[in-house]
N, C-alpha and C. Protein backbone atom coordinates (compact mmCIF):
# COMPACT_ATOMS: atom_id res chain seq x y z
N UNK A 1 0.85 -1.17 0.00
CA UNK A 1 0.00 0.00 0.00
C UNK A 1 0.89 1.23 0.00
N UNK A 2 0.68 2.10 -0.96
CA UNK A 2 1.51 3.31 -1.03
C UNK A 2 0.95 4.42 -0.13
N UNK A 3 1.67 5.51 -0.07
CA UNK A 3 1.31 6.62 0.81
C UNK A 3 -0.07 7.16 0.50
N UNK A 4 -0.38 7.32 -0.78
CA UNK A 4 -1.70 7.83 -1.19
C UNK A 4 -2.81 6.89 -0.71
N UNK A 5 -2.64 5.60 -0.90
CA UNK A 5 -3.66 4.62 -0.50
C UNK A 5 -3.86 4.61 1.02
N UNK A 6 -2.78 4.77 1.78
CA UNK A 6 -2.91 4.84 3.24
C UNK A 6 -3.66 6.10 3.65
N UNK A 7 -3.34 7.22 3.03
CA UNK A 7 -4.03 8.47 3.35
C UNK A 7 -5.51 8.37 2.99
N UNK A 8 -5.80 7.75 1.86
CA UNK A 8 -7.19 7.59 1.44
C UNK A 8 -7.96 6.70 2.43
N UNK A 9 -7.35 5.64 2.89
CA UNK A 9 -7.99 4.75 3.87
C UNK A 9 -8.25 5.50 5.18
N UNK A 10 -7.29 6.32 5.62
CA UNK A 10 -7.49 7.11 6.84
C UNK A 10 -8.61 8.12 6.65
N UNK A 11 -8.70 8.74 5.47
CA UNK A 11 -9.78 9.68 5.16
C UNK A 11 -11.14 9.00 5.34
N UNK A 12 -11.30 7.81 4.73
CA UNK A 12 -12.59 7.12 4.80
C UNK A 12 -12.89 6.64 6.21
N UNK A 13 -11.89 6.21 6.95
CA UNK A 13 -12.11 5.80 8.34
C UNK A 13 -12.59 7.00 9.16
N UNK A 14 -12.02 8.16 8.92
CA UNK A 14 -12.45 9.38 9.62
C UNK A 14 -13.87 9.75 9.20
N UNK A 15 -14.19 9.60 7.92
CA UNK A 15 -15.54 9.86 7.42
C UNK A 15 -16.55 8.99 8.17
N UNK A 16 -16.22 7.72 8.35
CA UNK A 16 -17.11 6.80 9.06
C UNK A 16 -17.28 7.25 10.51
N UNK A 17 -16.17 7.55 11.18
CA UNK A 17 -16.23 7.95 12.59
C UNK A 17 -16.96 9.27 12.82
N UNK A 18 -16.70 10.24 11.97
CA UNK A 18 -17.21 11.58 12.22
C UNK A 18 -18.52 11.91 11.51
N UNK A 19 -18.83 11.22 10.45
CA UNK A 19 -20.04 11.52 9.68
C UNK A 19 -21.08 10.41 9.79
N UNK A 20 -20.67 9.19 9.48
CA UNK A 20 -21.62 8.09 9.38
C UNK A 20 -22.11 7.61 10.75
N UNK A 21 -21.22 7.40 11.70
CA UNK A 21 -21.63 6.90 13.01
C UNK A 21 -22.57 7.85 13.75
N UNK A 22 -22.34 9.16 13.73
CA UNK A 22 -23.31 10.05 14.38
C UNK A 22 -24.70 9.97 13.74
N UNK A 23 -24.77 9.81 12.43
CA UNK A 23 -26.09 9.69 11.81
C UNK A 23 -26.72 8.35 12.13
N UNK A 24 -25.89 7.32 12.32
CA UNK A 24 -26.43 6.02 12.73
C UNK A 24 -27.07 6.15 14.11
N UNK A 25 -26.42 6.87 14.99
CA UNK A 25 -26.99 7.09 16.33
C UNK A 25 -28.31 7.86 16.23
N UNK A 26 -28.33 8.86 15.37
CA UNK A 26 -29.54 9.64 15.19
C UNK A 26 -30.65 8.79 14.58
N UNK A 27 -30.30 7.90 13.68
CA UNK A 27 -31.28 7.03 13.01
C UNK A 27 -31.91 6.04 13.99
N UNK A 28 -31.24 5.72 15.06
CA UNK A 28 -31.80 4.79 16.04
C UNK A 28 -32.41 5.53 17.23
N UNK A 29 -32.51 6.83 17.15
CA UNK A 29 -33.03 7.67 18.22
C UNK A 29 -34.53 7.46 18.39
N UNK A 30 -35.02 7.69 19.60
CA UNK A 30 -36.42 7.41 19.89
C UNK A 30 -37.38 8.50 19.42
N UNK A 31 -36.92 9.71 19.21
CA UNK A 31 -37.80 10.79 18.76
C UNK A 31 -37.93 10.70 17.25
N UNK A 32 -39.15 10.54 16.77
CA UNK A 32 -39.42 10.22 15.36
C UNK A 32 -38.79 11.23 14.39
N UNK A 33 -38.94 12.52 14.64
CA UNK A 33 -38.41 13.53 13.72
C UNK A 33 -36.89 13.39 13.57
N UNK A 34 -36.20 13.24 14.69
CA UNK A 34 -34.75 13.08 14.65
C UNK A 34 -34.36 11.76 13.98
N UNK A 35 -35.14 10.71 14.22
CA UNK A 35 -34.86 9.40 13.62
C UNK A 35 -35.01 9.48 12.10
N UNK A 36 -36.07 10.10 11.62
CA UNK A 36 -36.28 10.22 10.17
C UNK A 36 -35.16 11.04 9.52
N UNK A 37 -34.76 12.11 10.17
CA UNK A 37 -33.66 12.93 9.66
C UNK A 37 -32.36 12.12 9.66
N UNK A 38 -32.13 11.36 10.72
CA UNK A 38 -30.93 10.54 10.81
C UNK A 38 -30.89 9.46 9.73
N UNK A 39 -32.04 8.85 9.45
CA UNK A 39 -32.10 7.83 8.40
C UNK A 39 -31.76 8.43 7.05
N UNK A 40 -32.33 9.60 6.78
CA UNK A 40 -32.06 10.27 5.49
C UNK A 40 -30.58 10.62 5.36
N UNK A 41 -30.00 11.18 6.42
CA UNK A 41 -28.58 11.53 6.39
C UNK A 41 -27.71 10.28 6.26
N UNK A 42 -28.06 9.23 6.99
CA UNK A 42 -27.28 7.99 6.93
C UNK A 42 -27.31 7.41 5.52
N UNK A 43 -28.46 7.45 4.88
CA UNK A 43 -28.56 6.90 3.53
C UNK A 43 -27.76 7.74 2.53
N UNK A 44 -27.71 9.04 2.72
CA UNK A 44 -26.88 9.88 1.85
C UNK A 44 -25.40 9.51 2.01
N UNK A 45 -24.98 9.30 3.23
CA UNK A 45 -23.58 8.95 3.48
C UNK A 45 -23.27 7.53 3.06
N UNK A 46 -24.24 6.63 3.21
CA UNK A 46 -24.04 5.26 2.73
C UNK A 46 -23.90 5.25 1.21
N UNK A 47 -24.59 6.14 0.53
CA UNK A 47 -24.48 6.24 -0.93
C UNK A 47 -23.04 6.61 -1.32
N UNK A 48 -22.43 7.49 -0.56
CA UNK A 48 -21.04 7.88 -0.80
C UNK A 48 -20.13 6.66 -0.62
N UNK A 49 -20.37 5.89 0.45
CA UNK A 49 -19.58 4.68 0.70
C UNK A 49 -19.85 3.64 -0.39
N UNK A 50 -21.09 3.53 -0.82
CA UNK A 50 -21.45 2.60 -1.89
C UNK A 50 -20.67 2.92 -3.17
N UNK A 51 -20.60 4.20 -3.51
CA UNK A 51 -19.86 4.61 -4.71
C UNK A 51 -18.37 4.30 -4.59
N UNK A 52 -17.83 4.43 -3.39
CA UNK A 52 -16.41 4.13 -3.16
C UNK A 52 -16.13 2.63 -3.31
N UNK A 53 -17.09 1.81 -2.96
CA UNK A 53 -16.92 0.36 -2.99
C UNK A 53 -17.24 -0.25 -4.36
N UNK A 54 -17.94 0.49 -5.17
CA UNK A 54 -18.40 -0.01 -6.48
C UNK A 54 -17.24 -0.58 -7.30
N UNK A 55 -17.44 -1.81 -7.77
CA UNK A 55 -16.43 -2.46 -8.61
C UNK A 55 -15.28 -3.10 -7.86
N UNK A 56 -15.34 -3.11 -6.53
CA UNK A 56 -14.26 -3.69 -5.72
C UNK A 56 -14.82 -4.83 -4.87
N UNK A 57 -13.98 -5.77 -4.52
CA UNK A 57 -14.38 -6.81 -3.57
C UNK A 57 -14.36 -6.26 -2.15
N UNK A 58 -13.32 -5.50 -1.87
CA UNK A 58 -13.15 -4.86 -0.57
C UNK A 58 -12.75 -3.42 -0.83
N UNK A 59 -12.79 -2.59 0.20
CA UNK A 59 -12.41 -1.19 0.00
C UNK A 59 -10.97 -1.08 -0.49
N UNK A 60 -10.11 -2.00 -0.05
CA UNK A 60 -8.71 -1.99 -0.46
C UNK A 60 -8.48 -2.64 -1.82
N UNK A 61 -9.52 -3.19 -2.43
CA UNK A 61 -9.38 -3.87 -3.71
C UNK A 61 -9.75 -5.33 -3.58
N UNK A 62 -8.77 -6.19 -3.87
CA UNK A 62 -9.04 -7.63 -3.82
C UNK A 62 -8.84 -8.26 -2.45
N UNK A 63 -8.15 -7.53 -1.57
CA UNK A 63 -7.88 -8.08 -0.24
C UNK A 63 -8.45 -7.17 0.83
N UNK A 64 -8.76 -7.77 1.97
CA UNK A 64 -9.26 -6.99 3.09
C UNK A 64 -8.14 -6.08 3.58
N UNK A 65 -8.50 -4.87 3.95
CA UNK A 65 -7.51 -3.90 4.41
C UNK A 65 -8.01 -3.12 5.62
N UNK A 66 -7.24 -2.13 5.98
CA UNK A 66 -7.53 -1.29 7.14
C UNK A 66 -8.94 -0.73 7.10
N UNK A 67 -9.34 -0.17 5.98
CA UNK A 67 -10.66 0.46 5.88
C UNK A 67 -11.78 -0.57 6.01
N UNK A 68 -11.57 -1.77 5.51
CA UNK A 68 -12.59 -2.81 5.66
C UNK A 68 -12.83 -3.13 7.14
N UNK A 69 -11.77 -3.15 7.91
CA UNK A 69 -11.91 -3.39 9.35
C UNK A 69 -12.59 -2.19 10.01
N UNK A 70 -12.17 -0.98 9.66
CA UNK A 70 -12.77 0.22 10.24
C UNK A 70 -14.24 0.34 9.86
N UNK A 71 -14.61 -0.10 8.66
CA UNK A 71 -15.98 0.05 8.16
C UNK A 71 -16.89 -1.10 8.57
N UNK A 72 -16.39 -2.06 9.33
CA UNK A 72 -17.27 -3.17 9.69
C UNK A 72 -18.47 -2.72 10.51
N UNK A 73 -18.46 -1.49 10.99
CA UNK A 73 -19.62 -0.95 11.72
C UNK A 73 -20.85 -0.86 10.82
N UNK A 74 -20.64 -0.88 9.50
CA UNK A 74 -21.79 -0.84 8.59
C UNK A 74 -22.70 -2.05 8.81
N UNK A 75 -22.14 -3.13 9.30
CA UNK A 75 -22.94 -4.31 9.62
C UNK A 75 -24.07 -3.95 10.59
N UNK A 76 -23.80 -3.04 11.50
CA UNK A 76 -24.78 -2.72 12.54
C UNK A 76 -25.98 -1.96 12.01
N UNK A 77 -25.86 -1.36 10.83
CA UNK A 77 -27.04 -0.73 10.23
C UNK A 77 -28.12 -1.78 10.00
N UNK A 78 -27.71 -2.99 9.67
CA UNK A 78 -28.68 -4.08 9.50
C UNK A 78 -29.33 -4.44 10.83
N UNK A 79 -28.56 -4.47 11.89
CA UNK A 79 -29.09 -4.80 13.21
C UNK A 79 -30.08 -3.73 13.65
N UNK A 80 -29.75 -2.47 13.44
CA UNK A 80 -30.66 -1.37 13.78
C UNK A 80 -31.95 -1.53 13.01
N UNK A 81 -31.86 -1.87 11.74
CA UNK A 81 -33.06 -2.04 10.91
C UNK A 81 -33.94 -3.18 11.45
N UNK A 82 -33.33 -4.26 11.91
CA UNK A 82 -34.10 -5.36 12.49
C UNK A 82 -34.87 -4.90 13.71
N UNK A 83 -34.26 -4.06 14.52
CA UNK A 83 -34.90 -3.61 15.77
C UNK A 83 -35.93 -2.52 15.54
N UNK A 84 -35.65 -1.62 14.64
CA UNK A 84 -36.53 -0.47 14.44
C UNK A 84 -37.59 -0.71 13.38
N UNK A 85 -37.34 -1.69 12.53
CA UNK A 85 -38.25 -1.92 11.42
C UNK A 85 -38.08 -0.92 10.30
N UNK A 86 -37.07 -0.08 10.40
CA UNK A 86 -36.80 0.93 9.39
C UNK A 86 -35.54 0.53 8.63
N UNK A 87 -35.71 0.03 7.42
CA UNK A 87 -34.54 -0.45 6.66
C UNK A 87 -33.65 0.69 6.18
N UNK A 88 -32.55 0.85 6.83
CA UNK A 88 -31.60 1.90 6.45
C UNK A 88 -30.69 1.39 5.35
N UNK A 89 -30.21 0.18 5.52
CA UNK A 89 -29.25 -0.42 4.60
C UNK A 89 -29.91 -1.64 3.95
N UNK A 90 -30.42 -1.45 2.74
CA UNK A 90 -31.10 -2.54 2.04
C UNK A 90 -30.29 -2.94 0.81
N UNK A 91 -30.48 -4.18 0.39
CA UNK A 91 -29.80 -4.69 -0.80
C UNK A 91 -30.23 -3.91 -2.04
N UNK A 92 -31.48 -3.49 -2.07
CA UNK A 92 -31.98 -2.75 -3.23
C UNK A 92 -31.26 -1.40 -3.38
N UNK A 93 -31.07 -0.70 -2.26
CA UNK A 93 -30.45 0.63 -2.31
C UNK A 93 -28.92 0.56 -2.32
N UNK A 94 -28.37 -0.43 -1.64
CA UNK A 94 -26.92 -0.50 -1.45
C UNK A 94 -26.40 -1.91 -1.73
N UNK A 95 -26.49 -2.36 -2.97
CA UNK A 95 -26.09 -3.74 -3.28
C UNK A 95 -24.60 -4.01 -3.04
N UNK A 96 -23.74 -3.04 -3.30
CA UNK A 96 -22.30 -3.27 -3.13
C UNK A 96 -21.92 -3.37 -1.66
N UNK A 97 -22.52 -2.53 -0.83
CA UNK A 97 -22.23 -2.60 0.61
C UNK A 97 -22.75 -3.92 1.18
N UNK A 98 -23.96 -4.32 0.79
CA UNK A 98 -24.53 -5.57 1.30
C UNK A 98 -23.69 -6.77 0.86
N UNK A 99 -23.23 -6.76 -0.36
CA UNK A 99 -22.37 -7.84 -0.85
C UNK A 99 -21.05 -7.85 -0.08
N UNK A 100 -20.52 -6.67 0.18
CA UNK A 100 -19.27 -6.53 0.94
C UNK A 100 -19.45 -7.06 2.36
N UNK A 101 -20.59 -6.76 2.99
CA UNK A 101 -20.86 -7.26 4.34
C UNK A 101 -20.86 -8.79 4.33
N UNK A 102 -21.50 -9.37 3.33
CA UNK A 102 -21.54 -10.84 3.24
C UNK A 102 -20.12 -11.41 3.09
N UNK A 103 -19.28 -10.75 2.30
CA UNK A 103 -17.89 -11.21 2.15
C UNK A 103 -17.15 -11.12 3.48
N UNK A 104 -17.38 -10.04 4.21
CA UNK A 104 -16.73 -9.90 5.52
C UNK A 104 -17.19 -10.99 6.47
N UNK A 105 -18.45 -11.32 6.45
CA UNK A 105 -18.97 -12.33 7.36
C UNK A 105 -18.38 -13.71 7.04
N UNK A 106 -17.96 -13.92 5.79
CA UNK A 106 -17.31 -15.18 5.42
C UNK A 106 -15.90 -15.27 6.00
N UNK A 107 -15.31 -14.14 6.30
CA UNK A 107 -13.97 -14.11 6.89
C UNK A 107 -14.14 -14.09 8.42
N UNK A 108 -14.87 -15.06 8.93
CA UNK A 108 -15.29 -15.03 10.33
C UNK A 108 -14.16 -15.02 11.34
N UNK A 109 -13.05 -15.64 11.04
CA UNK A 109 -11.97 -15.67 12.01
C UNK A 109 -11.37 -14.29 12.27
N UNK A 110 -11.52 -13.37 11.36
CA UNK A 110 -11.03 -12.01 11.55
C UNK A 110 -12.15 -11.10 12.03
N UNK A 111 -13.22 -11.05 11.28
CA UNK A 111 -14.29 -10.08 11.53
C UNK A 111 -15.09 -10.41 12.79
N UNK A 112 -15.50 -11.65 12.93
CA UNK A 112 -16.36 -12.00 14.06
C UNK A 112 -15.68 -11.78 15.41
N UNK A 113 -14.37 -11.86 15.45
CA UNK A 113 -13.66 -11.58 16.68
C UNK A 113 -13.73 -10.10 17.04
N UNK A 114 -13.94 -9.25 16.05
CA UNK A 114 -13.97 -7.80 16.26
C UNK A 114 -15.37 -7.28 16.57
N UNK A 115 -16.39 -8.05 16.27
CA UNK A 115 -17.77 -7.58 16.42
C UNK A 115 -18.26 -7.74 17.86
N UNK A 116 -19.06 -6.76 18.28
CA UNK A 116 -19.75 -6.86 19.56
C UNK A 116 -20.81 -7.94 19.38
N UNK A 117 -21.02 -8.81 20.36
CA UNK A 117 -22.08 -9.80 20.22
C UNK A 117 -23.43 -9.13 19.91
N UNK A 118 -24.13 -9.68 18.94
CA UNK A 118 -25.37 -9.08 18.44
C UNK A 118 -26.39 -8.84 19.56
N UNK A 119 -26.54 -9.77 20.49
CA UNK A 119 -27.53 -9.60 21.55
C UNK A 119 -27.18 -8.43 22.47
N UNK A 120 -25.90 -8.23 22.74
CA UNK A 120 -25.48 -7.07 23.56
C UNK A 120 -25.77 -5.77 22.83
N UNK A 121 -25.51 -5.75 21.53
CA UNK A 121 -25.76 -4.55 20.75
C UNK A 121 -27.26 -4.26 20.68
N UNK A 122 -28.06 -5.29 20.47
CA UNK A 122 -29.51 -5.11 20.42
C UNK A 122 -30.04 -4.58 21.75
N UNK A 123 -29.54 -5.10 22.87
CA UNK A 123 -29.95 -4.61 24.18
C UNK A 123 -29.62 -3.13 24.33
N UNK A 124 -28.45 -2.74 23.86
CA UNK A 124 -28.04 -1.34 23.92
C UNK A 124 -28.97 -0.45 23.09
N UNK A 125 -29.32 -0.91 21.90
CA UNK A 125 -30.22 -0.13 21.03
C UNK A 125 -31.58 0.00 21.69
N UNK A 126 -32.11 -1.10 22.21
CA UNK A 126 -33.42 -1.06 22.88
C UNK A 126 -33.40 -0.08 24.05
N UNK A 127 -32.36 -0.13 24.84
CA UNK A 127 -32.24 0.75 26.00
C UNK A 127 -32.22 2.22 25.56
N UNK A 128 -31.46 2.52 24.51
CA UNK A 128 -31.35 3.90 24.03
C UNK A 128 -32.59 4.39 23.32
N UNK A 129 -33.45 3.49 22.85
CA UNK A 129 -34.67 3.88 22.14
C UNK A 129 -35.81 4.22 23.08
N UNK A 130 -35.71 3.85 24.34
CA UNK A 130 -36.78 4.17 25.29
C UNK A 130 -36.84 5.68 25.45
N UNK A 131 -38.05 6.25 25.30
CA UNK A 131 -38.16 7.72 25.44
C UNK A 131 -37.83 8.16 26.85
N UNK A 132 -37.08 9.23 26.94
CA UNK A 132 -36.76 9.77 28.26
C UNK A 132 -37.97 10.54 28.78
N UNK A 133 -38.03 10.73 30.10
CA UNK A 133 -39.14 11.46 30.70
C UNK A 133 -39.20 12.88 30.18
N UNK A 134 -38.04 13.51 30.00
CA UNK A 134 -38.02 14.89 29.52
C UNK A 134 -38.51 14.99 28.08
N UNK A 135 -38.27 13.97 27.27
CA UNK A 135 -38.71 13.96 25.88
C UNK A 135 -40.22 13.81 25.80
N UNK A 136 -40.82 13.06 26.74
CA UNK A 136 -42.27 12.86 26.69
C UNK A 136 -43.03 14.08 27.17
N UNK A 137 -42.36 15.00 27.85
CA UNK A 137 -43.01 16.22 28.34
C UNK A 137 -43.05 17.32 27.32
N UNK A 138 -42.44 17.11 26.15
CA UNK A 138 -42.37 18.17 25.14
C UNK A 138 -43.62 18.27 24.36
């Protein structure tokens, strides 16, 4: 990997951390208006990631790389959709990302060791989706 490719991978990892993850949190929020806005923003940013992945097996090309590991959080968009019933990341809208997720899941000895257990993550989402008392008073 040359200097340009390393810088590009760091750029995309920062994009995920600073842009995509905050919208994911907003998309799983309990207040409907904020959730709808978060879903729309998340899908716009997923489209950017989809375009970056287009025509590649992995973000790094033919082999798994740094960005593929950093981007494994995209898997959780599916988990959020299962819990909320709001499909943020669908095969119809994001076929390349969904295919990429499936490829990552096949590399279970690497990826599955890095993932939070699904039941723990679901419990966290459920807990965070409960409306707060202050939110219900608005």
